[in-house]
Protein backbone atom coordinates (compact mmCIF):
# COMPACT_ATOMS: atom_id res chain seq x y z
CA MET A 1 13.85 130.34 -56.07
CA THR A 2 15.56 133.54 -57.04
CA ILE A 3 19.28 134.11 -56.53
CA HIS A 4 20.37 137.68 -56.08
CA LEU A 5 23.31 138.27 -58.47
CA THR A 6 25.29 141.51 -58.51
CA SER A 7 28.59 142.92 -59.62
CA SER A 8 30.77 145.66 -58.09
CA ALA A 9 31.81 146.60 -61.71
CA PHE A 10 28.35 147.49 -63.05
CA SER A 11 24.71 147.64 -61.94
CA GLU A 12 21.68 145.95 -63.41
CA GLY A 13 21.13 147.35 -66.93
CA GLY A 14 24.32 149.44 -66.59
CA ALA A 15 27.34 149.67 -68.88
CA ILE A 16 29.95 146.98 -68.57
CA PRO A 17 33.37 148.73 -68.05
CA VAL A 18 35.77 148.39 -70.99
CA ASN A 19 38.24 146.40 -68.87
CA TYR A 20 35.87 143.37 -69.08
CA THR A 21 35.56 143.51 -72.88
CA CYS A 22 37.67 142.72 -75.96
CA ASP A 23 38.56 146.41 -76.03
CA GLY A 24 40.23 146.11 -72.59
CA GLN A 25 41.80 143.31 -70.67
CA ASN A 26 39.02 140.91 -71.56
CA ILE A 27 38.82 139.40 -68.06
CA SER A 28 35.63 138.36 -66.33
CA PRO A 29 34.01 140.93 -63.99
CA PRO A 30 33.63 140.25 -60.28
CA LEU A 31 30.26 138.67 -59.39
CA ARG A 32 28.62 138.17 -56.02
CA TRP A 33 25.45 136.28 -55.08
CA ASN A 34 23.23 135.33 -52.19
CA ASP A 35 20.02 133.40 -51.60
CA ILE A 36 21.34 130.06 -52.86
CA PRO A 37 18.65 127.56 -52.02
CA GLY A 38 19.25 124.77 -49.47
CA GLY A 39 19.94 121.52 -51.26
CA ALA A 40 22.15 123.15 -53.90
CA ARG A 41 25.22 120.98 -54.62
CA ASN A 42 26.78 123.00 -57.43
CA LEU A 43 26.43 126.30 -59.34
CA ALA A 44 26.68 126.94 -63.09
CA LEU A 45 27.07 130.30 -64.96
CA ILE A 46 26.20 131.19 -68.59
CA VAL A 47 26.93 134.58 -70.09
CA ASP A 48 25.38 135.38 -73.51
CA ASP A 49 24.42 138.13 -75.85
CA PRO A 50 21.01 137.81 -77.50
CA ASP A 51 21.61 140.88 -79.66
CA ALA A 52 24.42 139.36 -81.72
CA PRO A 53 23.97 139.70 -85.50
CA ARG A 54 23.65 135.89 -86.05
CA GLY A 55 21.59 135.09 -82.98
CA THR A 56 22.51 134.54 -79.31
CA PHE A 57 26.29 134.39 -78.86
CA THR A 58 27.74 132.64 -75.78
CA HIS A 59 30.56 134.42 -74.04
CA TRP A 60 31.13 132.15 -71.00
CA VAL A 61 30.15 128.63 -69.83
CA LEU A 62 31.32 127.84 -66.26
CA PHE A 63 30.03 124.90 -64.18
CA GLY A 64 31.06 122.95 -61.11
CA ILE A 65 31.26 126.07 -58.97
CA PRO A 66 30.95 124.99 -55.28
CA ALA A 67 27.47 125.68 -53.87
CA GLN A 68 28.88 127.20 -50.68
CA SER A 69 30.69 129.89 -52.59
CA SER A 70 29.23 133.46 -52.78
CA GLU A 71 31.39 135.19 -55.31
CA LEU A 72 33.75 135.03 -58.30
CA ALA A 73 36.59 137.54 -58.10
CA GLU A 74 37.65 139.46 -61.17
CA GLY A 75 39.19 137.05 -63.71
CA ASP A 76 38.50 133.99 -61.48
CA THR A 77 36.55 130.75 -62.01
CA GLY A 78 35.93 130.09 -58.33
CA GLY A 79 37.09 126.50 -58.75
CA GLY A 80 34.59 125.86 -61.51
CA THR A 81 35.26 124.15 -64.90
CA GLN A 82 35.21 126.25 -68.01
CA GLY A 83 33.22 125.36 -71.06
CA ARG A 84 33.64 126.38 -74.67
CA ASN A 85 32.34 129.84 -75.70
CA ASP A 86 31.23 130.86 -79.19
CA PHE A 87 34.70 132.34 -79.85
CA GLY A 88 35.76 128.68 -79.94
CA ARG A 89 37.79 128.82 -76.74
CA ASN A 90 37.40 127.55 -73.22
CA GLY A 91 36.84 130.34 -70.69
CA TYR A 92 35.55 133.88 -70.66
CA GLY A 93 35.36 135.99 -73.81
CA GLY A 94 34.18 139.52 -73.08
CA PRO A 95 31.72 141.66 -74.92
CA CYS A 96 32.87 142.45 -78.41
CA PRO A 97 29.94 143.59 -80.46
CA PRO A 98 30.14 145.24 -83.83
CA ARG A 99 30.07 149.05 -83.70
CA GLY A 100 26.58 150.44 -83.49
CA ASN A 101 23.83 149.87 -81.01
CA PRO A 102 24.55 148.60 -77.50
CA HIS A 103 24.24 144.90 -76.85
CA ARG A 104 22.82 143.26 -73.74
CA TYR A 105 24.89 140.67 -71.87
CA PHE A 106 23.02 138.29 -69.52
CA PHE A 107 24.98 136.71 -66.61
CA ARG A 108 22.78 133.81 -65.54
CA LEU A 109 23.67 131.82 -62.41
CA TYR A 110 21.97 128.45 -61.68
CA ALA A 111 21.83 126.46 -58.48
CA LEU A 112 21.72 122.74 -59.11
CA ASP A 113 20.68 119.80 -56.94
CA THR A 114 23.41 117.60 -58.46
CA VAL A 115 27.08 117.61 -59.40
CA LEU A 116 27.31 117.55 -63.19
CA ARG A 117 29.64 115.09 -64.89
CA LEU A 118 30.76 117.25 -67.83
CA GLN A 119 34.19 117.60 -69.30
CA PRO A 120 36.10 120.87 -69.71
CA GLY A 121 35.09 122.45 -72.96
CA ALA A 122 31.41 121.43 -72.74
CA THR A 123 29.18 123.79 -74.75
CA LYS A 124 26.23 125.83 -73.52
CA GLN A 125 23.87 123.30 -75.13
CA GLU A 126 25.53 120.39 -73.34
CA LEU A 127 25.37 122.25 -70.03
CA LEU A 128 21.68 123.16 -70.54
CA ARG A 129 20.87 119.50 -71.31
CA ALA A 130 22.79 118.27 -68.21
CA MET A 131 20.97 120.85 -65.99
CA GLU A 132 17.50 119.77 -67.09
CA ASN A 133 15.34 118.91 -64.11
CA HIS A 134 18.18 119.84 -61.73
CA ILE A 135 17.77 123.65 -61.48
CA ILE A 136 16.50 124.64 -58.01
CA GLY A 137 17.30 128.35 -58.26
CA GLU A 138 18.53 130.96 -60.64
CA GLY A 139 19.41 134.59 -60.87
CA GLN A 140 20.56 137.01 -63.51
CA LEU A 141 22.36 140.28 -63.97
CA MET A 142 22.24 142.18 -67.27
CA GLY A 143 24.84 144.68 -68.41
CA THR A 144 25.30 146.51 -71.71
CA TYR A 145 28.22 147.34 -73.93
CA GLN A 146 28.61 149.47 -76.94
CA ARG A 147 31.83 149.86 -78.93
CA GLN A 148 32.83 153.40 -79.86
């Protein structure tokens, strides 16, 4: 089932405002969603950049978001637990590509039929393994960022 994921800060395929990047305040953008499937017990979010020079770079791992929620406010976790990003820190790390071509940033939201038993600091790979066979819906929003 497809979840409709949007942001008031940028549109699908649009530029992510500097405020949400390493060149600004480096806080997470506001996100809103609907069409969460019935039977969802938890939500998880992964944000990554497939255009990074050394391969896909993970910017945010967030899980344990209550299934009844419908948004994350700017800079908020919505009660979820933060995992470790590829900057080596727990939490959100905004777009910070090398100067040059714009990079794409995929915000992927997953609806799960279970409550995951992961510790804070879990990696994207640990989250993906834990979600196997439990994803009952997903949605994505892609934004771009290019450093000047």
